[in-house]
C-alpha atoms as a PDB file:
ATOM      1  CA  MET A   1     104.395 115.614 103.013  1.00  0.00           C
ATOM      2  CA  ASN A   2     104.088 112.727 105.455  1.00  0.00           C
ATOM      3  CA  CYS A   3     104.475 109.580 103.371  1.00  0.00           C
ATOM      4  CA  PHE A   4     103.026 107.369 106.102  1.00  0.00           C
ATOM      5  CA  LEU A   5      99.956 109.545 106.645  1.00  0.00           C
ATOM      6  CA  ASP A   6      99.373 109.833 102.912  1.00  0.00           C
ATOM      7  CA  TYR A   7      99.620 106.057 102.535  1.00  0.00           C
ATOM      8  CA  GLN A   8      97.256 105.448 105.463  1.00  0.00           C
ATOM      9  CA  GLU A   9      94.663 107.797 104.010  1.00  0.00           C
ATOM     10  CA  ARG A  10      94.889 106.251 100.555  1.00  0.00           C
ATOM     11  CA  ALA A  11      94.726 102.707 101.927  1.00  0.00           C
ATOM     12  CA  LYS A  12      91.639 103.589 103.958  1.00  0.00           C
ATOM     13  CA  ARG A  13      89.843 104.839 100.830  1.00  0.00           C
ATOM     14  CA  THR A  14      89.997 101.373  99.266  1.00  0.00           C
ATOM     15  CA  LEU A  15      88.947  99.403 102.349  1.00  0.00           C
ATOM     16  CA  ASN A  16      85.480  97.891 102.557  1.00  0.00           C
ATOM     17  CA  ASP A  17      84.553  98.677 106.162  1.00  0.00           C
ATOM     18  CA  LYS A  18      80.842  99.280 105.722  1.00  0.00           C
ATOM     19  CA  GLY A  19      78.720  97.840 108.509  1.00  0.00           C
ATOM     20  CA  LYS A  20      81.677  96.273 110.339  1.00  0.00           C
ATOM     21  CA  ASP A  21      82.291  96.815 114.029  1.00  0.00           C
ATOM     22  CA  PHE A  22      85.684  97.164 115.728  1.00  0.00           C
ATOM     23  CA  GLU A  23      86.126  93.436 116.360  1.00  0.00           C
ATOM     24  CA  GLN A  24      85.246  92.556 112.772  1.00  0.00           C
ATOM     25  CA  MET A  25      87.641  95.176 111.430  1.00  0.00           C
ATOM     26  CA  VAL A  26      90.547  94.077 113.627  1.00  0.00           C
ATOM     27  CA  SER A  27      89.887  90.443 112.739  1.00  0.00           C
ATOM     28  CA  HIS A  28      89.763  91.324 109.030  1.00  0.00           C
ATOM     29  CA  MET A  29      93.064  93.245 109.218  1.00  0.00           C
ATOM     30  CA  LEU A  30      94.838  90.493 111.182  1.00  0.00           C
ATOM     31  CA  MET A  31      93.664  87.791 108.776  1.00  0.00           C
ATOM     32  CA  GLY A  32      94.804  89.976 105.893  1.00  0.00           C
ATOM     33  CA  ILE A  33      98.261  90.442 107.424  1.00  0.00           C
ATOM     34  CA  GLN A  34      98.542  86.682 107.987  1.00  0.00           C
ATOM     35  CA  GLY A  35      97.380  85.781 104.515  1.00  0.00           C
ATOM     36  CA  GLU A  36      99.485  88.291 102.629  1.00  0.00           C
ATOM     37  CA  SER A  37     102.649  87.692 104.671  1.00  0.00           C
ATOM     38  CA  GLY A  38     102.122  83.999 103.966  1.00  0.00           C
ATOM     39  CA  GLU A  39     102.136  84.811 100.262  1.00  0.00           C
ATOM     40  CA  VAL A  40     105.483  86.615 100.675  1.00  0.00           C
ATOM     41  CA  ALA A  41     106.882  83.614 102.562  1.00  0.00           C
ATOM     42  CA  ASP A  42     105.581  81.270  99.863  1.00  0.00           C
ATOM     43  CA  LEU A  43     107.501  83.136  97.160  1.00  0.00           C
ATOM     44  CA  PHE A  44     110.737  82.682  99.118  1.00  0.00           C
ATOM     45  CA  LYS A  45     109.899  79.043  99.948  1.00  0.00           C
ATOM     46  CA  LYS A  46     109.503  78.312  96.259  1.00  0.00           C
ATOM     47  CA  HIS A  47     112.756  80.136  95.490  1.00  0.00           C
ATOM     48  CA  PHE A  48     114.851  78.503  98.229  1.00  0.00           C
ATOM     49  CA  HIS A  49     113.354  75.018  98.220  1.00  0.00           C
ATOM     50  CA  GLN A  50     111.664  74.411  94.861  1.00  0.00           C
ATOM     51  CA  GLU A  51     114.112  76.016  92.423  1.00  0.00           C
ATOM     52  CA  HIS A  52     111.779  78.819  91.315  1.00  0.00           C
ATOM     53  CA  ASP A  53     113.220  82.135  90.190  1.00  0.00           C
ATOM     54  CA  LEU A  54     112.607  84.849  92.766  1.00  0.00           C
ATOM     55  CA  ASP A  55     110.038  87.210  91.280  1.00  0.00           C
ATOM     56  CA  THR A  56     110.952  90.537  92.876  1.00  0.00           C
ATOM     57  CA  GLU A  57     107.957  92.256  91.307  1.00  0.00           C
ATOM     58  CA  LYS A  58     105.622  89.732  92.917  1.00  0.00           C
ATOM     59  CA  VAL A  59     107.425  90.145  96.264  1.00  0.00           C
ATOM     60  CA  LEU A  60     106.921  93.922  96.024  1.00  0.00           C
ATOM     61  CA  GLU A  61     103.249  93.435  95.204  1.00  0.00           C
ATOM     62  CA  GLU A  62     102.634  91.069  98.110  1.00  0.00           C
ATOM     63  CA  MET A  63     104.609  93.247 100.535  1.00  0.00           C
ATOM     64  CA  GLY A  64     102.400  96.135  99.455  1.00  0.00           C
ATOM     65  CA  ASP A  65      99.369  94.029 100.356  1.00  0.00           C
ATOM     66  CA  VAL A  66     100.875  93.400 103.814  1.00  0.00           C
ATOM     67  CA  MET A  67     101.372  97.162 104.209  1.00  0.00           C
ATOM     68  CA  PHE A  68      97.754  97.802 103.201  1.00  0.00           C
ATOM     69  CA  TYR A  69      96.498  95.674 106.077  1.00  0.00           C
ATOM     70  CA  ILE A  70      99.029  97.073 108.563  1.00  0.00           C
ATOM     71  CA  ALA A  71      98.090 100.644 107.619  1.00  0.00           C
ATOM     72  CA  ASN A  72      94.408  99.872 107.962  1.00  0.00           C
ATOM     73  CA  LEU A  73      94.925  98.139 111.306  1.00  0.00           C
ATOM     74  CA  CYS A  74      96.545 101.398 112.408  1.00  0.00           C
ATOM     75  CA  ASN A  75      93.497 103.257 111.077  1.00  0.00           C
ATOM     76  CA  VAL A  76      91.124 100.997 113.003  1.00  0.00           C
ATOM     77  CA  MET A  77      93.198 101.466 116.167  1.00  0.00           C
ATOM     78  CA  GLY A  78      93.405 105.241 115.687  1.00  0.00           C
ATOM     79  CA  ILE A  79      97.197 105.293 115.594  1.00  0.00           C
ATOM     80  CA  SER A  80      99.564 106.522 112.946  1.00  0.00           C
ATOM     81  CA  LEU A  81     101.845 104.280 110.940  1.00  0.00           C
ATOM     82  CA  GLN A  82     104.550 106.907 111.432  1.00  0.00           C
ATOM     83  CA  GLU A  83     104.279 106.549 115.215  1.00  0.00           C
ATOM     84  CA  VAL A  84     104.503 102.768 114.935  1.00  0.00           C
ATOM     85  CA  CYS A  85     107.707 103.081 112.896  1.00  0.00           C
ATOM     86  CA  GLU A  86     109.212 105.745 115.159  1.00  0.00           C
ATOM     87  CA  ARG A  87     108.522 103.748 118.328  1.00  0.00           C
ATOM     88  CA  ASN A  88     109.981 100.631 116.745  1.00  0.00           C
ATOM     89  CA  ILE A  89     113.211 102.446 115.855  1.00  0.00           C
ATOM     90  CA  ILE A  90     113.478 103.875 119.390  1.00  0.00           C
ATOM     91  CA  LYS A  91     113.042 100.362 120.815  1.00  0.00           C
ATOM     92  CA  LEU A  92     115.673  98.935 118.466  1.00  0.00           C
ATOM     93  CA  MET A  93     118.126 101.764 119.174  1.00  0.00           C
ATOM     94  CA  LYS A  94     117.829 101.065 122.909  1.00  0.00           C
ATOM     95  CA  ARG A  95     118.243  97.344 122.354  1.00  0.00           C
ATOM     96  CA  TYR A  96     121.167  97.663 119.934  1.00  0.00           C
ATOM     97  CA  PRO A  97     122.744 101.122 120.422  1.00  0.00           C
ATOM     98  CA  GLU A  98     125.865 100.152 118.458  1.00  0.00           C
ATOM     99  CA  GLY A  99     123.986  98.103 115.858  1.00  0.00           C
ATOM    100  CA  PHE A 100     122.984  94.449 116.036  1.00  0.00           C
ATOM    101  CA  ASP A 101     124.925  92.425 118.580  1.00  0.00           C
ATOM    102  CA  ALA A 102     124.355  88.673 118.920  1.00  0.00           C
ATOM    103  CA  GLU A 103     125.313  88.711 122.614  1.00  0.00           C
ATOM    104  CA  ARG A 104     122.756  91.435 123.364  1.00  0.00           C
ATOM    105  CA  SER A 105     120.183  89.480 121.372  1.00  0.00           C
ATOM    106  CA  ILE A 106     120.809  86.273 123.316  1.00  0.00           C
ATOM    107  CA  ASN A 107     120.803  88.005 126.711  1.00  0.00           C
ATOM    108  CA  ARG A 108     117.917  90.366 126.073  1.00  0.00           C
ATOM    109  CA  GLU A 109     115.933  91.648 129.020  1.00  0.00           C
END
């Protein structure tokens, strides 16, 4: 079972994409990513700066919403979430072959 593919397919089933063209879909997904990631940031802002308890369940819920929009942006673009993750790891392994290194980060090409 491919967890990423399964997630992408399930996320697509709950997306309202009727009558929307490519530009509208991409715009919708990008606004969703922005909005939901802002909600994640807000939970941490309240925890770090306003003395709220960190609600891990709410963080998980909001991070799931971010994933929904990322998965559906992949769907709109015709790419797999698995490929996105694999390419990202390859890039990071090239950048930091021995793990994170501040010097390599500062002097990145």
